[in-house]
């Protein structure tokens, strides 16, 4: 029996030049029909990015994706289902700014923002915009 899903050297790079960063580097998967497969790793490891490439939501920078032995085609998406959740955040705002919007909308004291950022381990994100956070960071926020 062949592989239902296979990736070869799957890579996704964000940015250009000196600012380029690999979110996924040279991932090769071999999954047979009927197998259950899990991607485990810390926040920012590239799990969600890998799934988005497999589901056609992101174009790989390099590598290939095969379904049932043939190169990935848009029509293949009709045979699969996926749900990759996105946190409801303003991607152009920082973590602090997103929480300030929430406190205003919910009528909560703004003094809680620093407490919450520390509790979810995002106090040191500084001026980094939420749109550049890993999926795990966005979910914690």
N, C-alpha and C. Protein backbone atom coordinates (compact mmCIF):
# COMPACT_ATOMS: atom_id res chain seq x y z
N UNK A 1 0.85 -1.19 0.00
CA UNK A 1 0.00 0.00 0.00
C UNK A 1 0.90 1.24 0.00
N UNK A 2 0.57 2.23 -0.85
CA UNK A 2 1.34 3.47 -0.94
C UNK A 2 0.91 4.47 0.11
N UNK A 3 1.45 5.65 -0.01
CA UNK A 3 1.14 6.71 0.94
C UNK A 3 -0.05 7.54 0.48
N UNK A 4 -0.95 7.85 1.41
CA UNK A 4 -2.07 8.73 1.11
C UNK A 4 -1.58 10.18 1.06
N UNK A 5 -0.68 10.51 1.96
CA UNK A 5 -0.10 11.86 2.01
C UNK A 5 1.41 11.73 2.16
N UNK A 6 2.11 12.47 1.33
CA UNK A 6 3.57 12.47 1.40
C UNK A 6 4.08 13.88 1.13
N UNK A 7 5.03 14.31 1.93
CA UNK A 7 5.72 15.57 1.64
C UNK A 7 7.20 15.25 1.49
N UNK A 8 7.84 15.99 0.60
CA UNK A 8 9.27 15.79 0.37
C UNK A 8 9.97 17.15 0.43
N UNK A 9 10.81 17.32 1.43
CA UNK A 9 11.59 18.55 1.54
C UNK A 9 10.76 19.81 1.68
N UNK A 10 9.59 19.69 2.31
CA UNK A 10 8.67 20.82 2.42
C UNK A 10 9.30 21.95 3.25
N UNK A 11 9.33 23.14 2.66
CA UNK A 11 9.96 24.30 3.30
C UNK A 11 9.09 25.53 3.09
N UNK A 12 8.98 26.36 4.12
CA UNK A 12 8.29 27.64 4.00
C UNK A 12 9.17 28.70 4.65
N UNK A 13 9.54 29.69 3.85
CA UNK A 13 10.38 30.80 4.32
C UNK A 13 9.55 32.07 4.24
N UNK A 14 9.60 32.86 5.31
CA UNK A 14 8.93 34.15 5.35
C UNK A 14 10.01 35.24 5.33
N UNK A 15 9.72 36.33 4.66
CA UNK A 15 10.66 37.44 4.58
C UNK A 15 11.61 37.28 3.41
N UNK A 16 12.46 38.30 3.23
CA UNK A 16 13.40 38.30 2.12
C UNK A 16 14.79 38.71 2.61
N UNK A 17 15.78 38.31 1.85
CA UNK A 17 17.15 38.72 2.15
C UNK A 17 17.61 38.32 3.53
N UNK A 18 18.25 39.27 4.22
CA UNK A 18 18.77 39.00 5.57
C UNK A 18 17.67 38.77 6.59
N UNK A 19 16.45 39.22 6.28
CA UNK A 19 15.32 39.07 7.20
C UNK A 19 14.59 37.74 7.02
N UNK A 20 14.97 36.95 6.01
CA UNK A 20 14.29 35.69 5.73
C UNK A 20 14.45 34.72 6.89
N UNK A 21 13.36 34.02 7.18
CA UNK A 21 13.37 33.06 8.29
C UNK A 21 12.56 31.84 7.88
N UNK A 22 13.13 30.65 8.09
CA UNK A 22 12.41 29.42 7.80
C UNK A 22 11.42 29.12 8.92
N UNK A 23 10.14 29.02 8.56
CA UNK A 23 9.12 28.59 9.52
C UNK A 23 9.04 27.07 9.51
N UNK A 24 9.30 26.48 8.34
CA UNK A 24 9.34 25.03 8.16
C UNK A 24 10.54 24.74 7.27
N UNK A 25 11.37 23.79 7.66
CA UNK A 25 12.59 23.51 6.89
C UNK A 25 12.72 22.02 6.59
N UNK A 26 12.58 21.67 5.32
CA UNK A 26 12.89 20.33 4.82
C UNK A 26 12.11 19.21 5.53
N UNK A 27 10.79 19.38 5.63
CA UNK A 27 9.94 18.38 6.30
C UNK A 27 9.48 17.33 5.29
N UNK A 28 9.74 16.07 5.61
CA UNK A 28 9.29 14.96 4.78
C UNK A 28 8.41 14.05 5.63
N UNK A 29 7.17 13.87 5.20
CA UNK A 29 6.20 13.02 5.89
C UNK A 29 5.79 11.88 4.97
N UNK A 30 5.46 10.73 5.55
CA UNK A 30 5.00 9.58 4.79
C UNK A 30 3.85 8.96 5.58
N UNK A 31 2.62 9.24 5.16
CA UNK A 31 1.44 8.82 5.92
C UNK A 31 0.58 7.91 5.05
N UNK A 32 0.35 6.70 5.54
CA UNK A 32 -0.45 5.72 4.81
C UNK A 32 -1.94 5.95 5.04
N UNK A 33 -2.75 5.47 4.13
CA UNK A 33 -4.20 5.58 4.26
C UNK A 33 -4.65 4.93 5.56
N UNK A 34 -5.52 5.62 6.31
CA UNK A 34 -6.05 5.11 7.56
C UNK A 34 -5.20 5.40 8.78
N UNK A 35 -3.98 5.87 8.60
CA UNK A 35 -3.12 6.20 9.74
C UNK A 35 -3.56 7.51 10.38
N UNK A 36 -3.36 7.59 11.68
CA UNK A 36 -3.55 8.84 12.41
C UNK A 36 -2.16 9.39 12.69
N UNK A 37 -1.95 10.65 12.37
CA UNK A 37 -0.63 11.24 12.48
C UNK A 37 -0.74 12.54 13.25
N UNK A 38 0.13 12.77 14.19
CA UNK A 38 0.11 14.00 14.97
C UNK A 38 1.41 14.78 14.80
N UNK A 39 1.29 16.10 14.76
CA UNK A 39 2.46 16.97 14.72
C UNK A 39 2.62 17.56 16.12
N UNK A 40 3.73 17.28 16.75
CA UNK A 40 4.00 17.78 18.10
C UNK A 40 5.23 18.68 18.07
N UNK A 41 5.19 19.73 18.88
CA UNK A 41 6.34 20.61 18.97
C UNK A 41 5.98 21.87 19.72
N UNK A 42 6.98 22.64 20.10
CA UNK A 42 6.73 23.88 20.83
C UNK A 42 6.12 24.95 19.94
N UNK A 43 5.62 26.02 20.55
CA UNK A 43 5.08 27.14 19.79
C UNK A 43 6.14 27.64 18.82
N UNK A 44 5.71 27.95 17.61
CA UNK A 44 6.63 28.48 16.61
C UNK A 44 7.44 27.42 15.88
N UNK A 45 7.17 26.14 16.12
CA UNK A 45 7.94 25.07 15.48
C UNK A 45 7.55 24.83 14.03
N UNK A 46 6.40 25.35 13.60
CA UNK A 46 5.98 25.20 12.21
C UNK A 46 4.86 24.21 11.98
N UNK A 47 4.22 23.75 13.04
CA UNK A 47 3.13 22.78 12.91
C UNK A 47 1.97 23.33 12.08
N UNK A 48 1.48 24.49 12.45
CA UNK A 48 0.35 25.10 11.74
C UNK A 48 0.73 25.48 10.32
N UNK A 49 1.94 25.97 10.14
CA UNK A 49 2.41 26.34 8.80
C UNK A 49 2.45 25.11 7.90
N UNK A 50 2.91 23.98 8.43
CA UNK A 50 2.95 22.73 7.67
C UNK A 50 1.54 22.33 7.26
N UNK A 51 0.59 22.36 8.20
CA UNK A 51 -0.79 22.00 7.88
C UNK A 51 -1.40 22.94 6.85
N UNK A 52 -1.11 24.23 6.96
CA UNK A 52 -1.63 25.20 5.99
C UNK A 52 -1.09 24.94 4.59
N UNK A 53 0.15 24.51 4.48
CA UNK A 53 0.70 24.18 3.16
C UNK A 53 0.01 22.93 2.61
N UNK A 54 -0.18 21.92 3.43
CA UNK A 54 -0.83 20.69 2.99
C UNK A 54 -2.26 20.96 2.53
N UNK A 55 -2.94 21.88 3.21
CA UNK A 55 -4.34 22.20 2.89
C UNK A 55 -4.49 23.27 1.81
N UNK A 56 -3.39 23.75 1.27
CA UNK A 56 -3.46 24.73 0.19
C UNK A 56 -3.66 26.16 0.63
N UNK A 57 -3.53 26.43 1.92
CA UNK A 57 -3.71 27.79 2.42
C UNK A 57 -2.44 28.62 2.28
N UNK A 58 -1.29 27.97 2.18
CA UNK A 58 0.00 28.63 1.97
C UNK A 58 0.76 27.86 0.89
N UNK A 59 1.48 28.60 0.07
CA UNK A 59 2.30 27.97 -0.97
C UNK A 59 3.69 27.70 -0.39
N UNK A 60 4.19 26.47 -0.52
CA UNK A 60 5.53 26.16 -0.02
C UNK A 60 6.60 26.96 -0.77
N UNK A 61 7.67 27.30 -0.09
CA UNK A 61 8.82 27.93 -0.73
C UNK A 61 9.59 26.89 -1.53
N UNK A 62 9.64 25.67 -1.00
CA UNK A 62 10.34 24.58 -1.67
C UNK A 62 9.70 23.26 -1.25
N UNK A 63 10.00 22.21 -1.99
CA UNK A 63 9.49 20.88 -1.68
C UNK A 63 8.23 20.56 -2.44
N UNK A 64 7.70 19.39 -2.15
CA UNK A 64 6.48 18.97 -2.85
C UNK A 64 5.53 18.22 -1.91
N UNK A 65 4.25 18.24 -2.29
CA UNK A 65 3.19 17.57 -1.55
C UNK A 65 2.52 16.60 -2.51
N UNK A 66 2.36 15.36 -2.09
CA UNK A 66 1.71 14.36 -2.92
C UNK A 66 0.52 13.77 -2.18
N UNK A 67 -0.59 13.60 -2.90
CA UNK A 67 -1.77 12.92 -2.39
C UNK A 67 -1.96 11.65 -3.20
N UNK A 68 -2.04 10.51 -2.52
CA UNK A 68 -2.26 9.22 -3.18
C UNK A 68 -1.27 9.00 -4.33
N UNK A 69 -0.04 9.44 -4.13
CA UNK A 69 1.01 9.18 -5.10
C UNK A 69 1.16 10.18 -6.23
N UNK A 70 0.25 11.15 -6.34
CA UNK A 70 0.38 12.15 -7.41
C UNK A 70 0.61 13.54 -6.82
N UNK A 71 1.19 14.41 -7.63
CA UNK A 71 1.46 15.78 -7.18
C UNK A 71 0.16 16.45 -6.77
N UNK A 72 0.23 17.24 -5.70
CA UNK A 72 -0.91 17.97 -5.15
C UNK A 72 -1.60 18.78 -6.25
N UNK A 73 -2.94 18.68 -6.26
CA UNK A 73 -3.76 19.49 -7.18
C UNK A 73 -4.87 20.12 -6.37
N UNK A 74 -5.34 21.25 -6.80
CA UNK A 74 -6.42 21.95 -6.11
C UNK A 74 -7.63 21.04 -5.94
N UNK A 75 -7.92 20.20 -6.91
CA UNK A 75 -9.07 19.28 -6.84
C UNK A 75 -8.97 18.32 -5.66
N UNK A 76 -7.74 18.04 -5.20
CA UNK A 76 -7.56 17.13 -4.06
C UNK A 76 -8.20 17.67 -2.79
N UNK A 77 -8.35 18.99 -2.72
CA UNK A 77 -8.92 19.60 -1.52
C UNK A 77 -10.39 19.22 -1.31
N UNK A 78 -11.07 18.82 -2.38
CA UNK A 78 -12.47 18.41 -2.24
C UNK A 78 -12.61 17.09 -1.49
N UNK A 79 -11.52 16.34 -1.38
CA UNK A 79 -11.57 15.03 -0.72
C UNK A 79 -11.10 15.09 0.73
N UNK A 80 -10.68 16.27 1.20
CA UNK A 80 -10.21 16.38 2.58
C UNK A 80 -10.96 17.50 3.29
N UNK A 81 -10.92 17.46 4.59
CA UNK A 81 -11.50 18.53 5.39
C UNK A 81 -10.49 18.96 6.44
N UNK A 82 -10.51 20.23 6.77
CA UNK A 82 -9.58 20.72 7.79
C UNK A 82 -10.17 21.94 8.48
N UNK A 83 -9.75 22.13 9.70
CA UNK A 83 -10.12 23.33 10.45
C UNK A 83 -8.88 23.75 11.23
N UNK A 84 -8.31 24.86 10.80
CA UNK A 84 -7.16 25.42 11.49
C UNK A 84 -7.62 26.74 12.06
N UNK A 85 -7.80 26.76 13.36
CA UNK A 85 -8.38 27.93 14.03
C UNK A 85 -7.45 29.12 14.04
N UNK A 86 -8.00 30.27 13.89
CA UNK A 86 -7.26 31.52 14.01
C UNK A 86 -7.83 32.30 15.19
N UNK A 87 -6.97 32.83 16.00
CA UNK A 87 -7.40 33.64 17.14
C UNK A 87 -7.94 34.98 16.64
N UNK A 88 -9.02 35.49 17.23
CA UNK A 88 -9.59 36.77 16.79
C UNK A 88 -8.78 37.96 17.31
N UNK A 89 -7.72 38.28 16.61
CA UNK A 89 -6.83 39.37 17.02
C UNK A 89 -6.70 40.39 15.90
N UNK A 90 -6.25 41.57 16.26
CA UNK A 90 -5.90 42.58 15.27
C UNK A 90 -4.43 42.36 14.92
N UNK A 91 -4.13 41.84 13.73
CA UNK A 91 -2.75 41.47 13.40
C UNK A 91 -1.78 42.64 13.35
N UNK A 92 -2.29 43.85 13.15
CA UNK A 92 -1.42 45.02 13.05
C UNK A 92 -1.13 45.65 14.41
N UNK A 93 -1.71 45.10 15.49
CA UNK A 93 -1.48 45.62 16.84
C UNK A 93 -0.58 44.68 17.63
N UNK A 94 0.11 45.22 18.63
CA UNK A 94 0.94 44.41 19.52
C UNK A 94 0.04 43.65 20.50
N UNK A 95 0.64 42.77 21.27
CA UNK A 95 -0.11 42.04 22.30
C UNK A 95 -0.75 43.02 23.28
N UNK A 96 0.04 43.97 23.73
CA UNK A 96 -0.46 44.97 24.69
C UNK A 96 -1.63 45.76 24.08
N UNK A 97 -1.48 46.20 22.83
CA UNK A 97 -2.54 46.98 22.19
C UNK A 97 -3.81 46.15 22.00
N UNK A 98 -3.66 44.87 21.64
CA UNK A 98 -4.83 43.99 21.51
C UNK A 98 -5.57 43.87 22.83
N UNK A 99 -4.82 43.70 23.92
CA UNK A 99 -5.47 43.58 25.23
C UNK A 99 -6.12 44.89 25.66
N UNK A 100 -5.53 46.01 25.32
CA UNK A 100 -6.13 47.31 25.66
C UNK A 100 -7.46 47.49 24.94
N UNK A 101 -7.54 47.03 23.69
CA UNK A 101 -8.81 47.08 22.95
C UNK A 101 -9.85 46.22 23.68
N UNK A 102 -9.44 45.02 24.09
CA UNK A 102 -10.36 44.11 24.79
C UNK A 102 -10.85 44.69 26.11
N UNK A 103 -9.93 45.27 26.88
CA UNK A 103 -10.35 45.82 28.18
C UNK A 103 -11.34 46.96 27.99
N UNK A 104 -11.13 47.76 26.97
CA UNK A 104 -12.06 48.86 26.68
C UNK A 104 -13.43 48.32 26.30
N UNK A 105 -13.45 47.34 25.39
CA UNK A 105 -14.72 46.76 24.94
C UNK A 105 -15.48 46.06 26.06
N UNK A 106 -14.74 45.41 26.96
CA UNK A 106 -15.37 44.65 28.04
C UNK A 106 -15.55 45.46 29.32
N UNK A 107 -15.08 46.69 29.31
CA UNK A 107 -15.22 47.53 30.50
C UNK A 107 -14.35 47.09 31.66
N UNK A 108 -13.22 46.47 31.37
CA UNK A 108 -12.30 46.01 32.41
C UNK A 108 -11.20 47.05 32.63
N UNK A 109 -10.61 47.06 33.81
CA UNK A 109 -9.55 48.04 34.08
C UNK A 109 -8.30 47.74 33.25
N UNK A 110 -7.74 48.79 32.65
CA UNK A 110 -6.55 48.64 31.82
C UNK A 110 -5.35 48.18 32.65
N UNK A 111 -5.42 48.36 33.94
CA UNK A 111 -4.33 47.94 34.82
C UNK A 111 -4.09 46.43 34.78
N UNK A 112 -5.05 45.66 34.29
CA UNK A 112 -4.92 44.19 34.22
C UNK A 112 -4.06 43.72 33.04
N UNK A 113 -3.80 44.61 32.08
CA UNK A 113 -3.09 44.22 30.86
C UNK A 113 -1.73 43.60 31.18
N UNK A 114 -0.91 44.26 31.99
CA UNK A 114 0.42 43.73 32.32
C UNK A 114 0.33 42.39 33.04
N UNK A 115 -0.65 42.28 33.92
CA UNK A 115 -0.86 41.03 34.67
C UNK A 115 -1.18 39.88 33.71
N UNK A 116 -2.05 40.14 32.76
CA UNK A 116 -2.45 39.10 31.80
C UNK A 116 -1.28 38.74 30.88
N UNK A 117 -0.55 39.74 30.39
CA UNK A 117 0.60 39.46 29.52
C UNK A 117 1.62 38.58 30.23
N UNK A 118 1.86 38.84 31.50
CA UNK A 118 2.80 38.02 32.27
C UNK A 118 2.25 36.61 32.46
N UNK A 119 0.95 36.50 32.74
CA UNK A 119 0.34 35.19 32.99
C UNK A 119 0.41 34.28 31.77
N UNK A 120 0.34 34.85 30.57
CA UNK A 120 0.36 34.04 29.34
C UNK A 120 1.74 34.07 28.66
N UNK A 121 2.75 34.54 29.40
CA UNK A 121 4.13 34.55 28.93
C UNK A 121 4.33 35.35 27.64
N UNK A 122 3.67 36.51 27.56
CA UNK A 122 3.83 37.38 26.39
C UNK A 122 4.28 38.79 26.78
N UNK A 123 4.75 38.95 28.01
CA UNK A 123 5.14 40.27 28.49
C UNK A 123 6.34 40.84 27.74
N UNK A 124 7.17 39.98 27.17
CA UNK A 124 8.39 40.45 26.51
C UNK A 124 8.29 40.51 24.99
N UNK A 125 7.08 40.59 24.46
CA UNK A 125 6.93 40.64 23.00
C UNK A 125 7.15 42.03 22.43
N UNK A 126 7.16 43.04 23.28
CA UNK A 126 7.49 44.40 22.86
C UNK A 126 6.62 44.92 21.74
N UNK A 127 7.27 45.40 20.67
CA UNK A 127 6.56 46.02 19.55
C UNK A 127 6.20 45.04 18.45
N UNK A 128 6.43 43.75 18.67
CA UNK A 128 6.11 42.74 17.67
C UNK A 128 4.60 42.69 17.46
N UNK A 129 4.17 42.76 16.24
CA UNK A 129 2.75 42.74 15.89
C UNK A 129 2.18 41.33 16.03
N UNK A 130 0.93 41.22 16.46
CA UNK A 130 0.28 39.92 16.68
C UNK A 130 0.25 39.09 15.40
N UNK A 131 0.20 39.73 14.25
CA UNK A 131 0.21 39.01 12.98
C UNK A 131 1.49 38.24 12.74
N UNK A 132 2.54 38.55 13.49
CA UNK A 132 3.83 37.86 13.35
C UNK A 132 4.04 36.82 14.44
N UNK A 133 3.05 36.66 15.34
CA UNK A 133 3.15 35.68 16.42
C UNK A 133 2.94 34.27 15.86
N UNK A 134 3.48 33.28 16.55
CA UNK A 134 3.17 31.89 16.22
C UNK A 134 1.71 31.62 16.60
N UNK A 135 1.17 30.53 16.11
CA UNK A 135 -0.22 30.16 16.43
C UNK A 135 -0.40 30.02 17.94
N UNK A 136 0.55 29.38 18.62
CA UNK A 136 0.45 29.21 20.07
C UNK A 136 0.45 30.53 20.81
N UNK A 137 1.26 31.48 20.35
CA UNK A 137 1.28 32.80 20.98
C UNK A 137 -0.06 33.51 20.78
N UNK A 138 -0.62 33.41 19.56
CA UNK A 138 -1.92 34.05 19.30
C UNK A 138 -3.02 33.42 20.14
N UNK A 139 -2.98 32.10 20.30
CA UNK A 139 -4.00 31.42 21.10
C UNK A 139 -3.90 31.82 22.57
N UNK A 140 -2.69 31.96 23.08
CA UNK A 140 -2.52 32.38 24.48
C UNK A 140 -3.02 33.80 24.68
N UNK A 141 -2.79 34.66 23.69
CA UNK A 141 -3.24 36.04 23.80
C UNK A 141 -4.76 36.10 23.78
